[in-house]
Amino acid sequence: MIEGIITKGVGGFYYVRTLDSTIKSRARGVFREDNLTPLVGDRVKVRISPEDNTGYIVEIAPRKSQLLRPPVANITQAIIVISIKKPEANLWLLDKFLLMAEYEGLDILICLNKSDLDMDKAEEYKDIYIKAGYDVIITSAKEGLGIDDLKNRLLNNISVFAGPSGAGKSSLLNKINLGFNLETGDVSTKTKRGKHTTRHVELLKFYDNAYVLDSPGFSSLDLSFIEDEREVRSYFREIHKYGEECKFLTCLHDKEPNCAIKSYLEDGIIHKTRYENYLSLMNEVKNIRRY
């Protein structure tokens, strides 16, 4: 049997990349019986059919991680791309992406793209999220800014590029490797949102030890995977860090007395927008659980 990684799944076929080739493969029926569907990113073993030279996936290695949207396995790093303008940066959506990546236990890099349109705003947002405890880089696919830093972060990782449509994910990937040749699109003048250019999930090889995933953009994320709104505290790094100083362990940092978060908020250590987004997302999870 041959070992490889699934880089793409289209029309019931899975494309498995090995050391020296890509094998067009089908999955064994036994996976359906086990309610297991092969995913892009899966490490698999393939048996070659002597009749037509196609492959059959006979074994899927245990997954280290799994995302539902996009449906991928074994991702180690989330690179969350937000544009400064065209479309306007949506920090509430950014925090929602961060919550999902925190839940999955991924390493996280925030990429503030299209900085050539407003560098002052890019620096402002960078300061907010560095204070929150994140790694942040400022990029411009148009001017090539930050591309080398981004390349270095890809090494020894399987990275998913996530973010809303129009943020410039595909443009950044094309800058990283011209061979990717991904389709890019403009922002709709009517909706002020990006037009979808990535239509399927595909793992792209950057180096032997680095793969990147360009995923279809989306503007909303379902938080039903969180079972209790109290969990949200753990997925906001600065809320979790400073919340340990609260008088009550059950403090949700909303209307409770003696809440340490309020002091850090007043001192500007926790940014107001981050705190408001925390409350908003906590209430969203609470409403989901109610129904």
C-alpha atoms as a PDB file:
ATOM      1  CA  MET A   1       0.000   0.000   0.000  1.00  0.00           C
ATOM      2  CA  ILE A   2       1.020   3.599  -0.631  1.00  0.00           C
ATOM      3  CA  GLU A   3       0.785   6.370   1.938  1.00  0.00           C
ATOM      4  CA  GLY A   4      -0.240   9.916   1.119  1.00  0.00           C
ATOM      5  CA  ILE A   5      -2.416  12.900   1.976  1.00  0.00           C
ATOM      6  CA  ILE A   6      -5.780  13.819   0.436  1.00  0.00           C
ATOM      7  CA  THR A   7      -5.390  17.188  -1.267  1.00  0.00           C
ATOM      8  CA  LYS A   8      -8.757  17.430  -3.033  1.00  0.00           C
ATOM      9  CA  GLY A   9     -12.120  15.699  -3.234  1.00  0.00           C
ATOM     10  CA  VAL A  10     -14.337  16.162  -6.304  1.00  0.00           C
ATOM     11  CA  GLY A  11     -17.260  14.114  -7.614  1.00  0.00           C
ATOM     12  CA  GLY A  12     -16.695  11.114  -5.371  1.00  0.00           C
ATOM     13  CA  PHE A  13     -12.967  10.947  -6.163  1.00  0.00           C
ATOM     14  CA  TYR A  14     -10.158  11.807  -3.760  1.00  0.00           C
ATOM     15  CA  TYR A  15      -6.788  12.987  -5.013  1.00  0.00           C
ATOM     16  CA  VAL A  16      -4.039  11.535  -2.833  1.00  0.00           C
ATOM     17  CA  ARG A  17      -0.605  13.126  -3.033  1.00  0.00           C
ATOM     18  CA  THR A  18       2.312  10.773  -2.381  1.00  0.00           C
ATOM     19  CA  LEU A  19       6.035  11.471  -2.448  1.00  0.00           C
ATOM     20  CA  ASP A  20       6.226  11.341  -6.237  1.00  0.00           C
ATOM     21  CA  SER A  21       2.711  11.463  -7.705  1.00  0.00           C
ATOM     22  CA  THR A  22      -0.993  12.161  -7.203  1.00  0.00           C
ATOM     23  CA  ILE A  23      -3.337   9.176  -7.241  1.00  0.00           C
ATOM     24  CA  LYS A  24      -7.008   9.530  -8.206  1.00  0.00           C
ATOM     25  CA  SER A  25      -8.802   7.341  -5.679  1.00  0.00           C
ATOM     26  CA  ARG A  26     -12.158   6.181  -4.395  1.00  0.00           C
ATOM     27  CA  ALA A  27     -13.012   5.357  -0.802  1.00  0.00           C
ATOM     28  CA  ARG A  28     -13.897   1.862   0.373  1.00  0.00           C
ATOM     29  CA  GLY A  29     -17.556   1.235   1.173  1.00  0.00           C
ATOM     30  CA  VAL A  30     -16.623   0.192   4.689  1.00  0.00           C
ATOM     31  CA  PHE A  31     -16.090   3.852   5.564  1.00  0.00           C
ATOM     32  CA  ARG A  32     -19.799   4.502   4.951  1.00  0.00           C
ATOM     33  CA  GLU A  33     -20.684   1.676   7.309  1.00  0.00           C
ATOM     34  CA  ASP A  34     -18.491   3.307   9.963  1.00  0.00           C
ATOM     35  CA  ASN A  35     -20.054   6.722   9.210  1.00  0.00           C
ATOM     36  CA  LEU A  36     -16.618   8.006   8.253  1.00  0.00           C
ATOM     37  CA  THR A  37     -16.065  10.267   5.266  1.00  0.00           C
ATOM     38  CA  PRO A  38     -12.535  10.931   3.983  1.00  0.00           C
ATOM     39  CA  LEU A  39     -11.580  14.589   4.268  1.00  0.00           C
ATOM     40  CA  VAL A  40      -9.030  16.832   2.629  1.00  0.00           C
ATOM     41  CA  GLY A  41      -5.989  16.693   4.913  1.00  0.00           C
ATOM     42  CA  ASP A  42      -6.474  13.053   5.882  1.00  0.00           C
ATOM     43  CA  ARG A  43      -3.369  10.882   5.976  1.00  0.00           C
ATOM     44  CA  VAL A  44      -4.387   7.702   4.162  1.00  0.00           C
ATOM     45  CA  LYS A  45      -3.171   4.409   2.755  1.00  0.00           C
ATOM     46  CA  VAL A  46      -4.088   3.595  -0.840  1.00  0.00           C
ATOM     47  CA  ARG A  47      -4.188   0.318  -2.743  1.00  0.00           C
ATOM     48  CA  ILE A  48      -3.737   0.566  -6.529  1.00  0.00           C
ATOM     49  CA  SER A  49      -6.197  -1.313  -8.744  1.00  0.00           C
ATOM     50  CA  PRO A  50      -4.326  -3.269 -11.441  1.00  0.00           C
ATOM     51  CA  GLU A  51      -7.341  -2.998 -13.745  1.00  0.00           C
ATOM     52  CA  ASP A  52      -7.445   0.754 -14.265  1.00  0.00           C
ATOM     53  CA  ASN A  53      -4.519   2.070 -12.183  1.00  0.00           C
ATOM     54  CA  THR A  54      -6.814   4.076  -9.908  1.00  0.00           C
ATOM     55  CA  GLY A  55      -6.502   3.929  -6.168  1.00  0.00           C
ATOM     56  CA  TYR A  56      -8.724   2.767  -3.327  1.00  0.00           C
ATOM     57  CA  ILE A  57      -8.402   4.362   0.072  1.00  0.00           C
ATOM     58  CA  VAL A  58      -8.261   1.479   2.521  1.00  0.00           C
ATOM     59  CA  GLU A  59      -7.159   3.195   5.723  1.00  0.00           C
ATOM     60  CA  ILE A  60      -7.508   6.648   7.284  1.00  0.00           C
ATOM     61  CA  ALA A  61      -5.051   7.568  10.025  1.00  0.00           C
ATOM     62  CA  PRO A  62      -6.437   9.043  13.281  1.00  0.00           C
ATOM     63  CA  ARG A  63      -7.074  12.758  12.903  1.00  0.00           C
ATOM     64  CA  LYS A  64      -5.251  15.330  15.003  1.00  0.00           C
ATOM     65  CA  SER A  65      -7.929  17.939  14.315  1.00  0.00           C
ATOM     66  CA  GLN A  66     -11.088  18.345  12.262  1.00  0.00           C
ATOM     67  CA  LEU A  67     -12.961  21.404  11.056  1.00  0.00           C
ATOM     68  CA  LEU A  68     -16.604  21.307  10.002  1.00  0.00           C
ATOM     69  CA  ARG A  69     -16.511  24.345   7.745  1.00  0.00           C
ATOM     70  CA  PRO A  70     -14.470  24.018   5.678  1.00  0.00           C
ATOM     71  CA  PRO A  71     -14.516  20.199   6.110  1.00  0.00           C
ATOM     72  CA  VAL A  72     -10.815  19.426   6.541  1.00  0.00           C
ATOM     73  CA  ALA A  73      -8.635  17.312   8.814  1.00  0.00           C
ATOM     74  CA  ASN A  74      -5.239  17.642  10.495  1.00  0.00           C
ATOM     75  CA  ILE A  75      -4.975  21.411  10.181  1.00  0.00           C
ATOM     76  CA  THR A  76      -2.350  22.772  12.574  1.00  0.00           C
ATOM     77  CA  GLN A  77      -2.641  26.509  11.974  1.00  0.00           C
ATOM     78  CA  ALA A  78      -5.361  29.018  11.144  1.00  0.00           C
ATOM     79  CA  ILE A  79      -4.355  32.136   9.242  1.00  0.00           C
ATOM     80  CA  ILE A  80      -7.299  34.473   9.547  1.00  0.00           C
ATOM     81  CA  VAL A  81      -7.292  37.096   6.828  1.00  0.00           C
ATOM     82  CA  ILE A  82      -9.248  40.321   7.252  1.00  0.00           C
ATOM     83  CA  SER A  83      -9.101  43.217   4.797  1.00  0.00           C
ATOM     84  CA  ILE A  84      -8.675  46.751   6.086  1.00  0.00           C
ATOM     85  CA  LYS A  85     -10.955  48.112   3.362  1.00  0.00           C
ATOM     86  CA  LYS A  86     -12.883  46.824   0.336  1.00  0.00           C
ATOM     87  CA  PRO A  87     -14.607  45.226   2.187  1.00  0.00           C
ATOM     88  CA  GLU A  88     -14.372  47.135   5.469  1.00  0.00           C
ATOM     89  CA  ALA A  89     -12.820  45.228   8.359  1.00  0.00           C
ATOM     90  CA  ASN A  90     -15.419  43.430  10.457  1.00  0.00           C
ATOM     91  CA  LEU A  91     -13.881  42.843  13.896  1.00  0.00           C
ATOM     92  CA  TRP A  92     -16.960  41.016  15.158  1.00  0.00           C
ATOM     93  CA  LEU A  93     -16.529  38.479  12.357  1.00  0.00           C
ATOM     94  CA  LEU A  94     -12.791  38.299  13.058  1.00  0.00           C
ATOM     95  CA  ASP A  95     -13.506  37.487  16.709  1.00  0.00           C
ATOM     96  CA  LYS A  96     -15.940  34.791  15.606  1.00  0.00           C
ATOM     97  CA  PHE A  97     -13.256  33.202  13.431  1.00  0.00           C
ATOM     98  CA  LEU A  98     -10.832  33.425  16.360  1.00  0.00           C
ATOM     99  CA  LEU A  99     -13.333  31.726  18.653  1.00  0.00           C
ATOM    100  CA  MET A 100     -13.649  28.818  16.236  1.00  0.00           C
ATOM    101  CA  ALA A 101      -9.873  28.454  15.857  1.00  0.00           C
ATOM    102  CA  GLU A 102      -9.415  28.591  19.644  1.00  0.00           C
ATOM    103  CA  TYR A 103     -12.050  25.896  20.057  1.00  0.00           C
ATOM    104  CA  GLU A 104     -10.145  23.654  17.649  1.00  0.00           C
ATOM    105  CA  GLY A 105      -6.863  24.275  19.492  1.00  0.00           C
ATOM    106  CA  LEU A 106      -5.073  25.605  16.411  1.00  0.00           C
ATOM    107  CA  ASP A 107      -2.112  27.939  16.290  1.00  0.00           C
ATOM    108  CA  ILE A 108      -3.409  31.294  15.090  1.00  0.00           C
ATOM    109  CA  LEU A 109      -2.013  34.104  12.965  1.00  0.00           C
ATOM    110  CA  ILE A 110      -4.072  37.206  12.180  1.00  0.00           C
ATOM    111  CA  CYS A 111      -3.324  38.705   8.779  1.00  0.00           C
ATOM    112  CA  LEU A 112      -4.458  42.296   8.215  1.00  0.00           C
ATOM    113  CA  ASN A 113      -4.509  42.543   4.432  1.00  0.00           C
ATOM    114  CA  LYS A 114      -4.949  45.422   1.966  1.00  0.00           C
ATOM    115  CA  SER A 115      -2.948  47.632   4.307  1.00  0.00           C
ATOM    116  CA  ASP A 116      -2.017  49.833   1.328  1.00  0.00           C
ATOM    117  CA  LEU A 117      -5.570  51.231   1.551  1.00  0.00           C
ATOM    118  CA  ASP A 118      -5.183  52.489   5.152  1.00  0.00           C
ATOM    119  CA  MET A 119      -1.962  51.744   7.019  1.00  0.00           C
ATOM    120  CA  ASP A 120      -3.009  53.760  10.074  1.00  0.00           C
ATOM    121  CA  LYS A 121      -6.105  51.599  10.517  1.00  0.00           C
ATOM    122  CA  ALA A 122      -4.031  48.457  10.036  1.00  0.00           C
ATOM    123  CA  GLU A 123      -1.651  49.540  12.809  1.00  0.00           C
ATOM    124  CA  GLU A 124      -4.621  50.348  15.063  1.00  0.00           C
ATOM    125  CA  TYR A 125      -6.113  46.878  14.636  1.00  0.00           C
ATOM    126  CA  LYS A 126      -2.712  45.256  15.047  1.00  0.00           C
ATOM    127  CA  ASP A 127      -2.316  46.934  18.427  1.00  0.00           C
ATOM    128  CA  ILE A 128      -5.744  45.694  19.572  1.00  0.00           C
ATOM    129  CA  TYR A 129      -5.001  42.055  18.807  1.00  0.00           C
ATOM    130  CA  ILE A 130      -1.403  42.007  19.978  1.00  0.00           C
ATOM    131  CA  LYS A 131      -2.688  43.236  23.346  1.00  0.00           C
ATOM    132  CA  ALA A 132      -5.235  40.415  23.242  1.00  0.00           C
ATOM    133  CA  GLY A 133      -2.371  37.922  22.905  1.00  0.00           C
ATOM    134  CA  TYR A 134      -2.257  37.149  19.174  1.00  0.00           C
ATOM    135  CA  ASP A 135       0.440  37.095  16.532  1.00  0.00           C
ATOM    136  CA  VAL A 136      -0.431  39.675  13.881  1.00  0.00           C
ATOM    137  CA  ILE A 137       1.135  40.592  10.573  1.00  0.00           C
ATOM    138  CA  ILE A 138       0.213  43.432   8.243  1.00  0.00           C
ATOM    139  CA  THR A 139       0.172  42.502   4.571  1.00  0.00           C
ATOM    140  CA  SER A 140      -0.567  43.906   1.159  1.00  0.00           C
ATOM    141  CA  ALA A 141      -0.842  41.446  -1.682  1.00  0.00           C
ATOM    142  CA  LYS A 142      -0.758  44.400  -4.069  1.00  0.00           C
ATOM    143  CA  GLU A 143       2.559  45.752  -2.770  1.00  0.00           C
ATOM    144  CA  GLY A 144       4.095  42.486  -1.521  1.00  0.00           C
ATOM    145  CA  LEU A 145       4.220  43.710   2.070  1.00  0.00           C
ATOM    146  CA  GLY A 146       4.582  41.006   4.729  1.00  0.00           C
ATOM    147  CA  ILE A 147       4.764  38.133   2.224  1.00  0.00           C
ATOM    148  CA  ASP A 148       8.134  36.817   3.460  1.00  0.00           C
ATOM    149  CA  ASP A 149       6.884  36.797   7.065  1.00  0.00           C
ATOM    150  CA  LEU A 150       3.805  34.910   5.935  1.00  0.00           C
ATOM    151  CA  LYS A 151       5.894  32.333   4.070  1.00  0.00           C
ATOM    152  CA  ASN A 152       7.958  31.652   7.179  1.00  0.00           C
ATOM    153  CA  ARG A 153       4.832  30.981   9.209  1.00  0.00           C
ATOM    154  CA  LEU A 154       3.741  28.294   6.765  1.00  0.00           C
ATOM    155  CA  LEU A 155       6.754  26.036   7.300  1.00  0.00           C
ATOM    156  CA  ASN A 156       6.098  22.776   9.172  1.00  0.00           C
ATOM    157  CA  ASN A 157       2.359  23.437   9.178  1.00  0.00           C
ATOM    158  CA  ILE A 158      -0.844  22.540   7.412  1.00  0.00           C
ATOM    159  CA  SER A 159      -2.473  25.956   7.387  1.00  0.00           C
ATOM    160  CA  VAL A 160      -6.027  26.963   6.595  1.00  0.00           C
ATOM    161  CA  PHE A 161      -6.559  30.444   5.197  1.00  0.00           C
ATOM    162  CA  ALA A 162      -9.902  31.580   6.589  1.00  0.00           C
ATOM    163  CA  GLY A 163     -11.817  34.820   6.400  1.00  0.00           C
ATOM    164  CA  PRO A 164     -14.681  36.525   4.588  1.00  0.00           C
ATOM    165  CA  SER A 165     -14.905  36.684   0.811  1.00  0.00           C
ATOM    166  CA  GLY A 166     -12.960  39.559  -0.648  1.00  0.00           C
ATOM    167  CA  ALA A 167     -10.368  39.709   2.135  1.00  0.00           C
ATOM    168  CA  GLY A 168      -7.661  38.697  -0.330  1.00  0.00           C
ATOM    169  CA  LYS A 169      -6.850  35.122   0.708  1.00  0.00           C
ATOM    170  CA  SER A 170      -6.358  33.859  -2.837  1.00  0.00           C
ATOM    171  CA  SER A 171      -4.317  36.938  -3.792  1.00  0.00           C
ATOM    172  CA  LEU A 172      -1.994  36.330  -0.842  1.00  0.00           C
ATOM    173  CA  LEU A 173      -1.583  32.677  -1.774  1.00  0.00           C
ATOM    174  CA  ASN A 174      -0.716  33.639  -5.337  1.00  0.00           C
ATOM    175  CA  LYS A 175       1.965  35.968  -3.972  1.00  0.00           C
ATOM    176  CA  ILE A 176       3.350  33.153  -1.826  1.00  0.00           C
ATOM    177  CA  ASN A 177       3.575  30.830  -4.813  1.00  0.00           C
ATOM    178  CA  LEU A 178       2.844  31.949  -8.378  1.00  0.00           C
ATOM    179  CA  GLY A 179       2.310  28.308  -9.269  1.00  0.00           C
ATOM    180  CA  PHE A 180      -0.925  28.228  -7.283  1.00  0.00           C
ATOM    181  CA  ASN A 181      -2.547  30.464  -9.935  1.00  0.00           C
ATOM    182  CA  LEU A 182      -5.753  30.857  -7.926  1.00  0.00           C
ATOM    183  CA  GLU A 183      -8.689  32.819  -9.290  1.00  0.00           C
ATOM    184  CA  THR A 184      -9.261  36.177  -7.615  1.00  0.00           C
ATOM    185  CA  GLY A 185     -12.209  38.543  -7.740  1.00  0.00           C
ATOM    186  CA  ASP A 186     -13.257  42.086  -6.973  1.00  0.00           C
ATOM    187  CA  VAL A 187     -15.601  43.296  -4.267  1.00  0.00           C
ATOM    188  CA  SER A 188     -19.217  43.658  -5.367  1.00  0.00           C
ATOM    189  CA  THR A 189     -20.188  47.314  -5.708  1.00  0.00           C
ATOM    190  CA  LYS A 190     -23.754  46.433  -4.675  1.00  0.00           C
ATOM    191  CA  THR A 191     -23.209  44.365  -1.535  1.00  0.00           C
ATOM    192  CA  LYS A 192     -19.729  45.703  -0.585  1.00  0.00           C
ATOM    193  CA  ARG A 193     -18.748  42.077  -0.030  1.00  0.00           C
ATOM    194  CA  GLY A 194     -16.245  39.923  -1.831  1.00  0.00           C
ATOM    195  CA  LYS A 195     -17.294  37.690  -4.665  1.00  0.00           C
ATOM    196  CA  HIS A 196     -16.658  33.984  -4.101  1.00  0.00           C
ATOM    197  CA  THR A 197     -13.702  32.828  -6.183  1.00  0.00           C
ATOM    198  CA  THR A 198     -12.738  29.629  -4.333  1.00  0.00           C
ATOM    199  CA  ARG A 199     -15.377  26.989  -5.052  1.00  0.00           C
ATOM    200  CA  HIS A 200     -13.900  23.858  -3.554  1.00  0.00           C
ATOM    201  CA  VAL A 201     -11.590  22.839  -0.749  1.00  0.00           C
ATOM    202  CA  GLU A 202      -8.074  22.020  -1.908  1.00  0.00           C
ATOM    203  CA  LEU A 203      -4.792  21.475  -0.129  1.00  0.00           C
ATOM    204  CA  LEU A 204      -1.903  23.178  -1.928  1.00  0.00           C
ATOM    205  CA  LYS A 205       1.689  22.047  -1.469  1.00  0.00           C
ATOM    206  CA  PHE A 206       4.028  24.895  -0.575  1.00  0.00           C
ATOM    207  CA  TYR A 207       7.100  22.907   0.525  1.00  0.00           C
ATOM    208  CA  ASP A 208       7.593  19.243   1.409  1.00  0.00           C
ATOM    209  CA  ASN A 209       6.712  20.103   5.000  1.00  0.00           C
ATOM    210  CA  ALA A 210       4.088  22.774   4.304  1.00  0.00           C
ATOM    211  CA  TYR A 211       0.572  22.681   2.888  1.00  0.00           C
ATOM    212  CA  VAL A 212      -1.942  25.497   2.683  1.00  0.00           C
ATOM    213  CA  LEU A 213      -5.690  25.364   2.280  1.00  0.00           C
ATOM    214  CA  ASP A 214      -7.588  28.005   0.376  1.00  0.00           C
ATOM    215  CA  SER A 215     -11.167  27.647   1.592  1.00  0.00           C
ATOM    216  CA  PRO A 216     -14.398  29.158   0.237  1.00  0.00           C
ATOM    217  CA  GLY A 217     -15.062  32.468   1.960  1.00  0.00           C
ATOM    218  CA  PHE A 218     -18.066  32.859   4.209  1.00  0.00           C
ATOM    219  CA  SER A 219     -19.599  35.698   6.190  1.00  0.00           C
ATOM    220  CA  SER A 220     -21.196  33.807   9.076  1.00  0.00           C
ATOM    221  CA  LEU A 221     -20.246  30.918  11.314  1.00  0.00           C
ATOM    222  CA  ASP A 222     -22.547  28.593  13.214  1.00  0.00           C
ATOM    223  CA  LEU A 223     -21.589  28.442  16.897  1.00  0.00           C
ATOM    224  CA  SER A 224     -23.783  25.471  17.773  1.00  0.00           C
ATOM    225  CA  PHE A 225     -20.656  23.395  18.454  1.00  0.00           C
ATOM    226  CA  ILE A 226     -20.265  25.279  21.760  1.00  0.00           C
ATOM    227  CA  GLU A 227     -22.369  23.535  24.384  1.00  0.00           C
ATOM    228  CA  ASP A 228     -22.486  26.267  27.040  1.00  0.00           C
ATOM    229  CA  GLU A 229     -22.150  30.052  26.748  1.00  0.00           C
ATOM    230  CA  ARG A 230     -19.751  30.015  29.708  1.00  0.00           C
ATOM    231  CA  GLU A 231     -17.195  28.320  27.451  1.00  0.00           C
ATOM    232  CA  VAL A 232     -16.839  31.529  25.444  1.00  0.00           C
ATOM    233  CA  ARG A 233     -14.762  32.975  28.297  1.00  0.00           C
ATOM    234  CA  SER A 234     -12.023  30.455  27.518  1.00  0.00           C
ATOM    235  CA  TYR A 235     -11.857  31.388  23.829  1.00  0.00           C
ATOM    236  CA  PHE A 236     -11.139  35.095  24.379  1.00  0.00           C
ATOM    237  CA  ARG A 237      -7.516  35.055  25.490  1.00  0.00           C
ATOM    238  CA  GLU A 238      -7.446  38.266  27.491  1.00  0.00           C
ATOM    239  CA  ILE A 239     -10.870  37.591  29.052  1.00  0.00           C
ATOM    240  CA  HIS A 240      -9.634  34.178  30.175  1.00  0.00           C
ATOM    241  CA  LYS A 241      -6.332  35.557  31.453  1.00  0.00           C
ATOM    242  CA  TYR A 242      -7.627  38.467  33.510  1.00  0.00           C
ATOM    243  CA  GLY A 243     -10.901  36.792  34.450  1.00  0.00           C
ATOM    244  CA  GLU A 244      -9.007  34.565  36.857  1.00  0.00           C
ATOM    245  CA  GLU A 245      -8.727  37.626  39.113  1.00  0.00           C
ATOM    246  CA  CYS A 246     -12.508  37.939  39.508  1.00  0.00           C
ATOM    247  CA  LYS A 247     -13.964  37.408  42.972  1.00  0.00           C
ATOM    248  CA  PHE A 248     -16.361  34.723  41.736  1.00  0.00           C
ATOM    249  CA  LEU A 249     -15.212  31.782  39.601  1.00  0.00           C
ATOM    250  CA  THR A 250     -18.618  31.765  37.907  1.00  0.00           C
ATOM    251  CA  CYS A 251     -18.281  35.389  36.775  1.00  0.00           C
ATOM    252  CA  LEU A 252     -19.369  35.907  33.165  1.00  0.00           C
ATOM    253  CA  HIS A 253     -17.891  39.427  33.178  1.00  0.00           C
ATOM    254  CA  ASP A 254     -21.202  41.006  32.348  1.00  0.00           C
ATOM    255  CA  LYS A 255     -23.194  42.451  35.278  1.00  0.00           C
ATOM    256  CA  GLU A 256     -21.544  40.637  38.172  1.00  0.00           C
ATOM    257  CA  PRO A 257     -19.977  42.621  41.053  1.00  0.00           C
ATOM    258  CA  ASN A 258     -16.226  42.713  41.715  1.00  0.00           C
ATOM    259  CA  CYS A 259     -15.426  41.774  38.113  1.00  0.00           C
ATOM    260  CA  ALA A 260     -11.736  42.236  37.328  1.00  0.00           C
ATOM    261  CA  ILE A 261     -12.443  42.475  33.603  1.00  0.00           C
ATOM    262  CA  LYS A 262     -14.211  45.812  34.128  1.00  0.00           C
ATOM    263  CA  SER A 263     -11.072  47.302  35.668  1.00  0.00           C
ATOM    264  CA  TYR A 264      -8.890  46.176  32.766  1.00  0.00           C
ATOM    265  CA  LEU A 265     -11.525  47.508  30.386  1.00  0.00           C
ATOM    266  CA  GLU A 266     -11.460  50.933  32.029  1.00  0.00           C
ATOM    267  CA  ASP A 267      -7.655  50.983  31.904  1.00  0.00           C
ATOM    268  CA  GLY A 268      -7.687  50.179  28.174  1.00  0.00           C
ATOM    269  CA  ILE A 269      -5.805  46.896  28.634  1.00  0.00           C
ATOM    270  CA  ILE A 270      -8.850  45.074  27.257  1.00  0.00           C
ATOM    271  CA  HIS A 271     -10.214  46.847  24.185  1.00  0.00           C
ATOM    272  CA  LYS A 272     -13.855  47.915  24.264  1.00  0.00           C
ATOM    273  CA  THR A 273     -14.648  46.324  20.904  1.00  0.00           C
ATOM    274  CA  ARG A 274     -13.216  42.972  21.982  1.00  0.00           C
ATOM    275  CA  TYR A 275     -15.281  43.071  25.170  1.00  0.00           C
ATOM    276  CA  GLU A 276     -18.470  43.984  23.308  1.00  0.00           C
ATOM    277  CA  ASN A 277     -17.877  41.184  20.808  1.00  0.00           C
ATOM    278  CA  TYR A 278     -17.308  38.766  23.698  1.00  0.00           C
ATOM    279  CA  LEU A 279     -20.716  39.649  25.184  1.00  0.00           C
ATOM    280  CA  SER A 280     -22.375  39.460  21.755  1.00  0.00           C
ATOM    281  CA  LEU A 281     -20.961  36.010  20.968  1.00  0.00           C
ATOM    282  CA  MET A 282     -21.738  34.713  24.441  1.00  0.00           C
ATOM    283  CA  ASN A 283     -25.366  35.807  24.013  1.00  0.00           C
ATOM    284  CA  GLU A 284     -25.463  34.212  20.559  1.00  0.00           C
ATOM    285  CA  VAL A 285     -24.420  30.864  22.025  1.00  0.00           C
ATOM    286  CA  LYS A 286     -26.919  31.297  24.864  1.00  0.00           C
ATOM    287  CA  ASN A 287     -29.766  31.867  22.393  1.00  0.00           C
ATOM    288  CA  ILE A 288     -28.749  28.819  20.347  1.00  0.00           C
ATOM    289  CA  ARG A 289     -28.863  26.636  23.443  1.00  0.00           C
ATOM    290  CA  ARG A 290     -32.263  28.041  24.400  1.00  0.00           C
ATOM    291  CA  TYR A 291     -33.777  26.590  21.259  1.00  0.00           C
END
